[in-house]
Each structure stands twice: as structure tokens, then as C-alpha cells.
């Protein structure tokens, strides 16, 4: 596994794609501050908060209906744990779906 991580430059991908994901989440927080808060992350391990646990569960279910699997964390958080070779296109798809749902709430 470590040889593959090194051979395929997966750590470099994690840094690059993680920065892209975090920046995208921060932009969504700026656009929807009443809904999305406390965006944070390191590498691809990024998360954000919603105002309530109930809203968070509803948001997660709507994302699932849009073919985005995102994990629940804590009382109000949703978190990303994508694969190490995730592409910018994959992350943009998820960000677009988050924005779609946020615009409806």
C-alpha cells in the first residue's frame, strides 16, 4: 500500500485536492452563512457544520439522493473522507450538489 501511495503520488493529490475542497466549502460558507459554518479541514479530511442536527440529517439525505455520500460527525457536522485518488471533477460534483441543496433551504 505504501509503495502505491508513493508511486502514484497520492499524498500530492491529497494536498492539491484537499485545498480545492476546503476552498470550495469556504466559498459556500460565504454564500450561505445562515446554513453552512465552521468549514475546516486538513488534506481531504474536511467538514462543515449546519445549524442543527435535524437539518444536518435532512441535508445528508438530500445529498444521498443526489449520489453524494457524506458522513455525519458530532452533533451538527458533515464530513468528507474521499479516496486518496479523488479527482477535482469528483469534488466539484459534490460541491455543486451541496450548493444545489443549500439554495433550496
Protein backbone atom coordinates (compact mmCIF):
# COMPACT_ATOMS: atom_id res chain seq x y z
CA UNK A 1 0.00 0.00 0.00
CA UNK A 2 2.76 2.45 0.89
CA UNK A 3 4.51 1.71 -2.40
CA UNK A 4 1.33 2.56 -4.33
CA UNK A 5 0.84 5.75 -2.33
CA UNK A 6 4.37 6.80 -3.23
CA UNK A 7 4.33 5.55 -6.84
CA UNK A 8 1.03 7.26 -7.67
CA UNK A 9 1.90 10.49 -5.82
CA UNK A 10 -1.25 10.16 -3.74
CA UNK A 11 -0.03 12.46 -0.96
CA UNK A 12 0.50 15.23 -3.50
CA UNK A 13 -3.02 14.61 -4.80
CA UNK A 14 -4.40 14.74 -1.25
CA UNK A 15 -2.80 18.15 -0.67
CA UNK A 16 -3.95 19.56 -4.01
CA UNK A 17 -7.50 18.20 -3.92
CA UNK A 18 -7.87 18.92 -0.21
CA UNK A 19 -7.05 22.58 -0.80
CA UNK A 20 -9.58 22.66 -3.65
CA UNK A 21 -12.28 21.07 -1.48
CA UNK A 22 -11.67 23.34 1.50
CA UNK A 23 -11.68 26.45 -0.69
CA UNK A 24 -14.95 25.33 -2.26
CA UNK A 25 -16.54 24.75 1.14
CA UNK A 26 -15.35 28.15 2.35
CA UNK A 27 -16.96 29.81 -0.68
CA UNK A 28 -20.21 28.01 0.09
CA UNK A 29 -19.98 29.19 3.70
CA UNK A 30 -19.59 32.77 2.48
CA UNK A 31 -22.60 32.38 0.18
CA UNK A 32 -24.81 30.56 2.73
CA UNK A 33 -23.62 31.76 6.17
CA UNK A 34 -27.04 31.12 7.71
CA UNK A 35 -26.68 27.45 6.82
CA UNK A 36 -23.01 26.44 6.46
CA UNK A 37 -20.48 27.29 9.16
CA UNK A 38 -17.17 26.22 10.67
CA UNK A 39 -15.65 24.85 7.46
CA UNK A 40 -12.40 23.15 8.29
CA UNK A 41 -10.04 20.52 7.05
CA UNK A 42 -6.63 19.04 6.61
CA UNK A 43 -5.89 17.30 3.37
CA UNK A 44 -9.04 15.57 2.16
CA UNK A 45 -10.48 15.29 5.66
CA UNK A 46 -12.83 18.28 5.50
CA UNK A 47 -16.04 19.08 7.34
CA UNK A 48 -18.63 21.78 7.90
CA UNK A 49 -21.44 22.42 10.36
CA UNK A 50 -25.14 23.03 9.90
CA UNK A 51 -27.34 24.88 12.42
CA UNK A 52 -29.00 21.77 13.90
CA UNK A 53 -28.64 18.02 13.93
CA UNK A 54 -32.07 17.66 12.34
CA UNK A 55 -31.15 19.94 9.45
CA UNK A 56 -27.85 18.12 9.09
CA UNK A 57 -29.65 14.76 8.74
CA UNK A 58 -32.04 16.22 6.15
CA UNK A 59 -29.10 17.73 4.25
CA UNK A 60 -27.25 14.40 4.29
CA UNK A 61 -30.31 12.54 2.98
CA UNK A 62 -30.76 15.05 0.16
CA UNK A 63 -27.10 14.66 -0.79
CA UNK A 64 -27.51 10.88 -0.84
CA UNK A 65 -30.44 11.29 -3.24
CA UNK A 66 -28.03 13.30 -5.43
CA UNK A 67 -25.49 10.42 -5.33
CA UNK A 68 -23.17 12.10 -2.83
CA UNK A 69 -22.21 10.05 0.21
CA UNK A 70 -21.09 12.22 3.10
CA UNK A 71 -20.69 11.20 6.73
CA UNK A 72 -22.34 12.53 9.87
CA UNK A 73 -19.98 13.67 12.62
CA UNK A 74 -20.67 15.07 16.06
CA UNK A 75 -23.89 16.96 16.72
CA UNK A 76 -24.15 19.12 13.59
CA UNK A 77 -21.29 18.26 11.24
CA UNK A 78 -20.97 16.63 7.85
CA UNK A 79 -17.54 15.34 6.88
CA UNK A 80 -15.73 14.19 3.78
CA UNK A 81 -13.48 11.15 3.64
CA UNK A 82 -12.88 10.61 -0.10
CA UNK A 83 -10.43 8.14 -1.58
CA UNK A 84 -6.85 9.31 -1.97
CA UNK A 85 -7.00 9.44 -5.76
CA UNK A 86 -10.18 11.55 -5.89
CA UNK A 87 -10.28 13.99 -8.79
CA UNK A 88 -11.15 17.66 -8.85
CA UNK A 89 -14.14 16.75 -11.04
CA UNK A 90 -15.45 14.40 -8.34
CA UNK A 91 -15.07 17.07 -5.68
CA UNK A 92 -16.67 19.73 -7.87
CA UNK A 93 -19.65 17.41 -8.38
CA UNK A 94 -20.09 17.15 -4.61
CA UNK A 95 -19.67 20.91 -4.13
CA UNK A 96 -22.25 21.58 -6.84
CA UNK A 97 -24.73 19.26 -5.13
CA UNK A 98 -24.11 20.89 -1.75
CA UNK A 99 -24.80 24.27 -3.31
CA UNK A 100 -27.94 22.98 -5.02
CA UNK A 101 -29.35 21.75 -1.72
CA UNK A 102 -28.23 24.82 0.23
CA UNK A 103 -30.00 27.06 -2.28
CA UNK A 104 -33.25 25.16 -1.68
CA UNK A 105 -33.18 25.53 2.11
